[in-house]
C-alpha cells in the first residue's frame, strides 16, 4: 500500500511540475 501511494504521489508531483512549466512558458509569451 505504502509503495503504491508513493508512486501515485510522485506521479502527481510530476504532473504539477509540467503544469508549472507550461504556465511559465505562457508568461514568457505575454512578455
N, C-alpha and C. Protein backbone atom coordinates (compact mmCIF):
# COMPACT_ATOMS: atom_id res chain seq x y z
N UNK A 1 0.85 -1.21 0.00
CA UNK A 1 0.00 0.00 0.00
C UNK A 1 0.89 1.27 0.00
N UNK A 2 1.85 1.29 0.89
CA UNK A 2 2.69 2.50 1.01
C UNK A 2 3.41 2.78 -0.30
N UNK A 3 3.96 1.72 -0.92
CA UNK A 3 4.68 1.92 -2.18
C UNK A 3 3.75 2.49 -3.24
N UNK A 4 2.53 1.96 -3.29
CA UNK A 4 1.58 2.43 -4.31
C UNK A 4 1.27 3.91 -4.06
N UNK A 5 1.10 4.29 -2.80
CA UNK A 5 0.80 5.70 -2.51
C UNK A 5 1.98 6.58 -2.93
N UNK A 6 3.20 6.11 -2.69
CA UNK A 6 4.38 6.89 -3.08
C UNK A 6 4.40 7.08 -4.59
N UNK A 7 4.11 6.02 -5.32
CA UNK A 7 4.13 6.11 -6.78
C UNK A 7 3.08 7.10 -7.26
N UNK A 8 1.90 7.04 -6.68
CA UNK A 8 0.84 7.96 -7.10
C UNK A 8 1.21 9.39 -6.76
N UNK A 9 1.78 9.61 -5.59
CA UNK A 9 2.13 10.98 -5.19
C UNK A 9 3.25 11.51 -6.09
N UNK A 10 4.21 10.66 -6.44
CA UNK A 10 5.30 11.12 -7.31
C UNK A 10 4.74 11.44 -8.70
N UNK A 11 3.78 10.68 -9.14
CA UNK A 11 3.16 10.97 -10.45
C UNK A 11 2.46 12.33 -10.40
N UNK A 12 1.74 12.58 -9.33
CA UNK A 12 1.04 13.87 -9.20
C UNK A 12 2.05 15.01 -9.17
N UNK A 13 3.16 14.80 -8.48
CA UNK A 13 4.18 15.86 -8.42
C UNK A 13 4.72 16.15 -9.81
N UNK A 14 4.97 15.11 -10.59
CA UNK A 14 5.48 15.32 -11.94
C UNK A 14 4.48 16.11 -12.78
N UNK A 15 3.20 15.77 -12.66
CA UNK A 15 2.18 16.47 -13.43
C UNK A 15 2.13 17.94 -13.00
N UNK A 16 2.25 18.19 -11.70
CA UNK A 16 2.21 19.58 -11.23
C UNK A 16 3.39 20.35 -11.79
N UNK A 17 4.57 19.72 -11.82
CA UNK A 17 5.75 20.40 -12.35
C UNK A 17 5.54 20.74 -13.82
N UNK A 18 4.96 19.82 -14.58
CA UNK A 18 4.72 20.08 -16.00
C UNK A 18 3.77 21.26 -16.17
N UNK A 19 2.73 21.30 -15.34
CA UNK A 19 1.78 22.41 -15.44
C UNK A 19 2.47 23.73 -15.14
N UNK A 20 3.35 23.73 -14.13
CA UNK A 20 4.07 24.97 -13.78
C UNK A 20 4.95 25.41 -14.94
N UNK A 21 5.60 24.47 -15.59
CA UNK A 21 6.47 24.81 -16.72
C UNK A 21 5.64 25.42 -17.85
N UNK A 22 4.47 24.85 -18.10
CA UNK A 22 3.61 25.39 -19.17
C UNK A 22 3.19 26.81 -18.82
N UNK A 23 2.87 27.05 -17.56
CA UNK A 23 2.46 28.40 -17.15
C UNK A 23 3.60 29.37 -17.35
N UNK A 24 4.82 28.95 -17.03
CA UNK A 24 5.98 29.83 -17.20
C UNK A 24 6.15 30.18 -18.68
N UNK A 25 5.98 29.19 -19.54
CA UNK A 25 6.14 29.45 -20.98
C UNK A 25 5.08 30.46 -21.45
N UNK A 26 3.86 30.32 -20.95
CA UNK A 26 2.81 31.25 -21.35
C UNK A 26 3.16 32.66 -20.89
N UNK A 27 3.72 32.77 -19.69
CA UNK A 27 4.09 34.09 -19.18
C UNK A 27 5.16 34.72 -20.07
N UNK A 28 6.10 33.92 -20.54
CA UNK A 28 7.16 34.44 -21.41
C UNK A 28 6.54 34.97 -22.72
N UNK A 29 5.54 34.27 -23.23
CA UNK A 29 4.91 34.71 -24.48
C UNK A 29 4.25 36.07 -24.28
N UNK A 30 3.65 36.26 -23.12
CA UNK A 30 2.96 37.53 -22.85
C UNK A 30 3.97 38.68 -22.79
N UNK A 31 5.13 38.41 -22.23
CA UNK A 31 6.12 39.48 -22.07
C UNK A 31 6.78 39.85 -23.36
